C-alpha atoms as a PDB file:
ATOM      1  CA  MET A   1      24.264 -70.548 -23.467  1.00  0.00           C
ATOM      2  CA  LYS A   2      22.684 -71.192 -20.079  1.00  0.00           C
ATOM      3  CA  VAL A   3      18.867 -71.301 -19.907  1.00  0.00           C
ATOM      4  CA  THR A   4      17.118 -71.399 -16.567  1.00  0.00           C
ATOM      5  CA  ASN A   5      13.805 -70.794 -14.871  1.00  0.00           C
ATOM      6  CA  MET A   6      13.362 -67.059 -14.106  1.00  0.00           C
ATOM      7  CA  THR A   7      12.967 -67.710 -10.380  1.00  0.00           C
ATOM      8  CA  GLN A   8      16.478 -69.150 -10.149  1.00  0.00           C
ATOM      9  CA  LYS A   9      19.777 -67.316 -10.086  1.00  0.00           C
ATOM     10  CA  ILE A  10      21.963 -67.422 -13.182  1.00  0.00           C
ATOM     11  CA  ILE A  11      25.678 -67.166 -12.488  1.00  0.00           C
ATOM     12  CA  ASP A  12      27.576 -66.326 -15.661  1.00  0.00           C
ATOM     13  CA  LEU A  13      28.117 -62.578 -15.923  1.00  0.00           C
ATOM     14  CA  GLU A  14      30.396 -60.156 -14.135  1.00  0.00           C
ATOM     15  CA  ILE A  15      28.959 -56.766 -13.182  1.00  0.00           C
ATOM     16  CA  SER A  16      31.347 -54.013 -12.236  1.00  0.00           C
ATOM     17  CA  SER A  17      30.287 -51.172  -9.991  1.00  0.00           C
ATOM     18  CA  SER A  18      30.797 -47.485 -10.700  1.00  0.00           C
ATOM     19  CA  GLY A  19      31.067 -46.896  -6.964  1.00  0.00           C
ATOM     20  CA  GLU A  20      28.385 -44.165  -6.999  1.00  0.00           C
ATOM     21  CA  SER A  21      26.153 -45.903  -4.479  1.00  0.00           C
ATOM     22  CA  PRO A  22      27.492 -46.539  -0.972  1.00  0.00           C
ATOM     23  CA  ASP A  23      26.427 -50.197  -1.277  1.00  0.00           C
ATOM     24  CA  ALA A  24      27.786 -50.502  -4.803  1.00  0.00           C
ATOM     25  CA  ALA A  25      31.159 -49.154  -3.668  1.00  0.00           C
ATOM     26  CA  LYS A  26      31.522 -52.101  -1.284  1.00  0.00           C
ATOM     27  CA  LEU A  27      30.182 -54.779  -3.634  1.00  0.00           C
ATOM     28  CA  LYS A  28      31.638 -55.993  -6.873  1.00  0.00           C
ATOM     29  CA  PRO A  29      29.000 -58.573  -7.818  1.00  0.00           C
ATOM     30  CA  THR A  30      30.143 -61.413 -10.021  1.00  0.00           C
ATOM     31  CA  GLU A  31      26.749 -62.933 -10.629  1.00  0.00           C
ATOM     32  CA  SER A  32      23.740 -61.902 -12.611  1.00  0.00           C
ATOM     33  CA  ILE A  33      20.361 -62.470 -11.078  1.00  0.00           C
ATOM     34  CA  ALA A  34      17.165 -63.362 -12.852  1.00  0.00           C
ATOM     35  CA  PHE A  35      13.886 -63.392 -11.011  1.00  0.00           C
ATOM     36  CA  SER A  36      10.216 -62.770 -11.570  1.00  0.00           C
ATOM     37  CA  HIS A  37       7.736 -61.564  -9.008  1.00  0.00           C
ATOM     38  CA  GLY A  38       5.017 -61.052 -11.589  1.00  0.00           C
ATOM     39  CA  ARG A  39       3.867 -57.725 -12.935  1.00  0.00           C
ATOM     40  CA  GLN A  40       0.649 -57.810 -10.928  1.00  0.00           C
ATOM     41  CA  SER A  41       2.342 -58.535  -7.597  1.00  0.00           C
ATOM     42  CA  LEU A  42       0.123 -57.003  -4.923  1.00  0.00           C
ATOM     43  CA  ASP A  43       2.641 -57.716  -2.147  1.00  0.00           C
ATOM     44  CA  ARG A  44       5.207 -55.549  -4.012  1.00  0.00           C
ATOM     45  CA  SER A  45       2.806 -52.724  -4.883  1.00  0.00           C
ATOM     46  CA  VAL A  46       2.051 -49.433  -3.152  1.00  0.00           C
ATOM     47  CA  TRP A  47      -0.076 -46.363  -3.597  1.00  0.00           C
ATOM     48  CA  TYR A  48       2.281 -43.406  -3.820  1.00  0.00           C
ATOM     49  CA  SER A  49       1.015 -39.852  -4.308  1.00  0.00           C
ATOM     50  CA  GLY A  50      -1.886 -40.795  -6.571  1.00  0.00           C
ATOM     51  CA  SER A  51      -0.083 -43.584  -8.460  1.00  0.00           C
ATOM     52  CA  LEU A  52       0.157 -47.350  -8.267  1.00  0.00           C
ATOM     53  CA  LEU A  53       3.806 -48.457  -8.062  1.00  0.00           C
ATOM     54  CA  THR A  54       5.015 -52.048  -8.348  1.00  0.00           C
ATOM     55  CA  PHE A  55       8.632 -52.776  -7.386  1.00  0.00           C
ATOM     56  CA  LEU A  56       9.871 -55.163 -10.068  1.00  0.00           C
ATOM     57  CA  ALA A  57      13.479 -55.100  -8.815  1.00  0.00           C
ATOM     58  CA  THR A  58      14.926 -53.444  -5.726  1.00  0.00           C
ATOM     59  CA  GLY A  59      18.447 -52.551  -4.700  1.00  0.00           C
ATOM     60  CA  GLU A  60      18.410 -55.423  -2.248  1.00  0.00           C
ATOM     61  CA  GLU A  61      17.871 -57.819  -5.163  1.00  0.00           C
ATOM     62  CA  THR A  62      20.346 -56.140  -7.550  1.00  0.00           C
ATOM     63  CA  HIS A  63      23.257 -55.572  -5.142  1.00  0.00           C
ATOM     64  CA  GLY A  64      22.505 -51.834  -5.160  1.00  0.00           C
ATOM     65  CA  GLN A  65      23.040 -51.532  -8.909  1.00  0.00           C
ATOM     66  CA  PHE A  66      19.506 -50.475  -9.895  1.00  0.00           C
ATOM     67  CA  ALA A  67      15.808 -50.554  -9.055  1.00  0.00           C
ATOM     68  CA  LEU A  68      13.030 -51.051 -11.602  1.00  0.00           C
ATOM     69  CA  VAL A  69       9.500 -49.854 -10.918  1.00  0.00           C
ATOM     70  CA  GLU A  70       6.296 -50.027 -12.932  1.00  0.00           C
ATOM     71  CA  ALA A  71       4.018 -47.036 -12.357  1.00  0.00           C
ATOM     72  CA  VAL A  72       0.431 -46.367 -13.351  1.00  0.00           C
ATOM     73  CA  GLY A  73      -0.798 -42.796 -12.975  1.00  0.00           C
ATOM     74  CA  ARG A  74      -3.559 -40.480 -14.148  1.00  0.00           C
ATOM     75  CA  ARG A  75      -3.816 -37.037 -15.709  1.00  0.00           C
ATOM     76  CA  GLY A  76      -3.228 -34.207 -13.253  1.00  0.00           C
ATOM     77  CA  ASN A  77      -0.829 -36.131 -11.051  1.00  0.00           C
ATOM     78  CA  LEU A  78       2.498 -34.315 -11.208  1.00  0.00           C
ATOM     79  CA  PRO A  79       5.432 -34.090  -8.844  1.00  0.00           C
ATOM     80  CA  PRO A  80       6.995 -30.803  -7.766  1.00  0.00           C
ATOM     81  CA  ARG A  81      10.153 -29.937  -9.722  1.00  0.00           C
ATOM     82  CA  HIS A  82      13.059 -31.702  -8.029  1.00  0.00           C
ATOM     83  CA  ILE A  83      16.663 -32.863  -8.328  1.00  0.00           C
ATOM     84  CA  HIS A  84      18.166 -36.270  -7.565  1.00  0.00           C
ATOM     85  CA  HIS A  85      21.765 -35.945  -6.432  1.00  0.00           C
ATOM     86  CA  ARG A  86      22.530 -39.683  -6.280  1.00  0.00           C
ATOM     87  CA  GLU A  87      20.563 -41.435  -8.998  1.00  0.00           C
ATOM     88  CA  ASP A  88      19.895 -41.210 -12.701  1.00  0.00           C
ATOM     89  CA  GLU A  89      16.366 -42.067 -13.815  1.00  0.00           C
ATOM     90  CA  ILE A  90      15.291 -43.615 -17.082  1.00  0.00           C
ATOM     91  CA  TYR A  91      11.610 -43.598 -17.988  1.00  0.00           C
ATOM     92  CA  TYR A  92      10.096 -45.892 -20.609  1.00  0.00           C
ATOM     93  CA  ILE A  93       6.489 -45.132 -21.536  1.00  0.00           C
ATOM     94  CA  LEU A  94       4.446 -48.278 -22.062  1.00  0.00           C
ATOM     95  CA  GLU A  95       1.040 -46.598 -22.464  1.00  0.00           C
ATOM     96  CA  GLY A  96      -0.107 -42.977 -22.589  1.00  0.00           C
ATOM     97  CA  GLU A  97       1.521 -39.580 -23.051  1.00  0.00           C
ATOM     98  CA  MET A  98       3.746 -37.525 -20.761  1.00  0.00           C
ATOM     99  CA  VAL A  99       5.625 -34.242 -21.028  1.00  0.00           C
ATOM    100  CA  PHE A 100       8.963 -34.074 -19.224  1.00  0.00           C
ATOM    101  CA  SER A 101      10.698 -30.901 -18.114  1.00  0.00           C
ATOM    102  CA  VAL A 102      14.428 -31.700 -17.833  1.00  0.00           C
ATOM    103  CA  GLY A 103      16.663 -28.715 -17.109  1.00  0.00           C
ATOM    104  CA  ASP A 104      15.617 -26.170 -19.727  1.00  0.00           C
ATOM    105  CA  ARG A 105      14.275 -28.780 -22.163  1.00  0.00           C
ATOM    106  CA  THR A 106      10.738 -30.043 -22.710  1.00  0.00           C
ATOM    107  CA  ILE A 107      10.284 -33.576 -24.054  1.00  0.00           C
ATOM    108  CA  LYS A 108       6.931 -35.021 -25.106  1.00  0.00           C
ATOM    109  CA  GLY A 109       6.784 -38.787 -24.842  1.00  0.00           C
ATOM    110  CA  THR A 110       4.300 -41.372 -26.079  1.00  0.00           C
ATOM    111  CA  ALA A 111       4.265 -45.168 -25.871  1.00  0.00           C
ATOM    112  CA  GLY A 112       7.717 -46.433 -26.806  1.00  0.00           C
ATOM    113  CA  THR A 113       9.565 -43.267 -25.760  1.00  0.00           C
ATOM    114  CA  MET A 114      12.517 -43.510 -23.392  1.00  0.00           C
ATOM    115  CA  VAL A 115      13.630 -40.415 -21.468  1.00  0.00           C
ATOM    116  CA  PHE A 116      16.856 -40.093 -19.485  1.00  0.00           C
ATOM    117  CA  LEU A 117      16.770 -37.818 -16.411  1.00  0.00           C
ATOM    118  CA  PRO A 118      20.383 -37.362 -15.256  1.00  0.00           C
ATOM    119  CA  ARG A 119      21.243 -36.790 -11.620  1.00  0.00           C
ATOM    120  CA  GLY A 120      21.855 -33.174 -10.692  1.00  0.00           C
ATOM    121  CA  VAL A 121      19.369 -31.797 -13.249  1.00  0.00           C
ATOM    122  CA  PRO A 122      16.003 -30.338 -12.123  1.00  0.00           C
ATOM    123  CA  HIS A 123      13.062 -32.213 -13.603  1.00  0.00           C
ATOM    124  CA  SER A 124       9.356 -32.855 -13.423  1.00  0.00           C
ATOM    125  CA  TRP A 125       6.635 -34.168 -15.700  1.00  0.00           C
ATOM    126  CA  THR A 126       2.952 -33.974 -16.456  1.00  0.00           C
ATOM    127  CA  ILE A 127       0.648 -36.738 -17.586  1.00  0.00           C
ATOM    128  CA  GLU A 128      -1.135 -35.698 -20.781  1.00  0.00           C
ATOM    129  CA  SER A 129      -3.327 -38.765 -21.366  1.00  0.00           C
ATOM    130  CA  GLU A 130      -6.081 -39.953 -19.053  1.00  0.00           C
ATOM    131  CA  GLN A 131      -3.730 -42.646 -17.738  1.00  0.00           C
ATOM    132  CA  ILE A 132      -0.124 -43.733 -18.211  1.00  0.00           C
ATOM    133  CA  ARG A 133       1.814 -46.886 -17.564  1.00  0.00           C
ATOM    134  CA  ILE A 134       5.590 -46.558 -17.404  1.00  0.00           C
ATOM    135  CA  LEU A 135       8.715 -48.344 -16.283  1.00  0.00           C
ATOM    136  CA  PHE A 136      11.317 -46.309 -14.490  1.00  0.00           C
ATOM    137  CA  LEU A 137      14.833 -47.406 -13.763  1.00  0.00           C
ATOM    138  CA  LEU A 138      16.829 -45.891 -10.896  1.00  0.00           C
ATOM    139  CA  THR A 139      20.574 -46.283 -11.057  1.00  0.00           C
ATOM    140  CA  PRO A 140      22.132 -46.879  -8.678  1.00  0.00           C
ATOM    141  CA  ALA A 141      19.365 -48.208  -6.467  1.00  0.00           C
ATOM    142  CA  GLY A 142      18.265 -46.511  -3.263  1.00  0.00           C
ATOM    143  CA  LEU A 143      15.569 -44.044  -4.203  1.00  0.00           C
ATOM    144  CA  GLU A 144      12.969 -46.819  -4.180  1.00  0.00           C
ATOM    145  CA  GLU A 145      13.144 -46.495  -0.379  1.00  0.00           C
ATOM    146  CA  TRP A 146      11.753 -42.956  -0.737  1.00  0.00           C
ATOM    147  CA  PHE A 147       8.711 -44.298  -2.558  1.00  0.00           C
ATOM    148  CA  LYS A 148       8.199 -46.956   0.094  1.00  0.00           C
ATOM    149  CA  LYS A 149       8.443 -44.387   2.917  1.00  0.00           C
ATOM    150  CA  PHE A 150       5.798 -42.080   1.461  1.00  0.00           C
ATOM    151  CA  SER A 151       3.341 -44.732   0.332  1.00  0.00           C
ATOM    152  CA  VAL A 152       0.813 -47.186   1.670  1.00  0.00           C
ATOM    153  CA  PRO A 153       0.463 -50.831   0.666  1.00  0.00           C
ATOM    154  CA  ALA A 154      -1.874 -51.066  -2.314  1.00  0.00           C
ATOM    155  CA  PRO A 155      -5.068 -52.880  -1.276  1.00  0.00           C
ATOM    156  CA  ALA A 156      -5.736 -53.707  -4.954  1.00  0.00           C
ATOM    157  CA  MET A 157      -3.925 -53.399  -8.287  1.00  0.00           C
ATOM    158  CA  THR A 158      -5.832 -50.208  -9.040  1.00  0.00           C
ATOM    159  CA  LEU A 159      -5.093 -46.517  -8.888  1.00  0.00           C
ATOM    160  CA  PRO A 160      -5.760 -44.876  -5.525  1.00  0.00           C
ATOM    161  CA  PRO A 161      -8.731 -42.499  -5.220  1.00  0.00           C
ATOM    162  CA  ALA A 162      -8.407 -39.470  -7.517  1.00  0.00           C
ATOM    163  CA  ASP A 163      -8.056 -37.017  -4.621  1.00  0.00           C
ATOM    164  CA  GLU A 164      -4.816 -38.650  -3.394  1.00  0.00           C
ATOM    165  CA  GLY A 165      -1.812 -36.751  -4.714  1.00  0.00           C
ATOM    166  CA  TYR A 166       1.240 -35.104  -3.262  1.00  0.00           C
ATOM    167  CA  GLY A 167      -0.400 -34.439   0.100  1.00  0.00           C
ATOM    168  CA  GLU A 168       2.660 -34.913   2.305  1.00  0.00           C
ATOM    169  CA  VAL A 169       4.775 -32.185   0.725  1.00  0.00           C
ATOM    170  CA  GLN A 170       6.029 -30.747   4.033  1.00  0.00           C
ATOM    171  CA  ARG A 171       7.171 -34.178   5.261  1.00  0.00           C
ATOM    172  CA  MET A 172       8.759 -34.810   1.862  1.00  0.00           C
ATOM    173  CA  LEU A 173      10.628 -31.482   1.997  1.00  0.00           C
ATOM    174  CA  GLU A 174      12.033 -32.368   5.414  1.00  0.00           C
ATOM    175  CA  ALA A 175      13.060 -35.909   4.404  1.00  0.00           C
ATOM    176  CA  ALA A 176      14.428 -35.092   0.935  1.00  0.00           C
ATOM    177  CA  PRO A 177      18.087 -34.437   1.940  1.00  0.00           C
ATOM    178  CA  ARG A 178      18.327 -37.891   3.565  1.00  0.00           C
ATOM    179  CA  TYR A 179      17.459 -39.401   0.174  1.00  0.00           C
ATOM    180  CA  GLY A 180      19.745 -37.163  -1.888  1.00  0.00           C
ATOM    181  CA  MET A 181      16.798 -35.155  -3.197  1.00  0.00           C
ATOM    182  CA  GLU A 182      16.110 -31.475  -3.420  1.00  0.00           C
ATOM    183  CA  PHE A 183      12.817 -29.825  -4.299  1.00  0.00           C
ATOM    184  CA  VAL A 184      13.066 -26.751  -6.510  1.00  0.00           C
ATOM    185  CA  LEU A 185      10.382 -24.466  -5.136  1.00  0.00           C
ATOM    186  CA  PRO A 186       9.015 -21.465  -7.034  1.00  0.00           C
END
């Protein structure tokens, strides 16, 4: 067994690509990568639509295989119902309570719950507790660029002001097709 410092690369595992991502189709990585930027990494954190997001792993770092993001949000912050056509999402609730709407199902999640949101299925969620802290995994990577585009650098590891939410909906609607997204409007 190979043990190494988390800031170094570990080369001992072959990863095969499903070919779903344009980058993944070209790459067949033969190395695993271990790294740590720190959970409280201000230089990797943004304020996005009322939430604090920290990019723990990006497609650039994972050869397009996945992105991992930690999010902190508050009650009342909910996205419009939408569909991802390129990525699956997996949410893991670390703290708080959320209710997910996935297709025609409703799933209530508390700390320790994992919810899979498959590509091609309309979904949304609401935050039931005062605050949540979650990890979400995007596979393949790519959608993290959406979050970067519609965010601002976080000036502190805190939530943005309460009145900041999904204020750029028109711009998001126009940009969504470029990111393989579709908003399901009432």
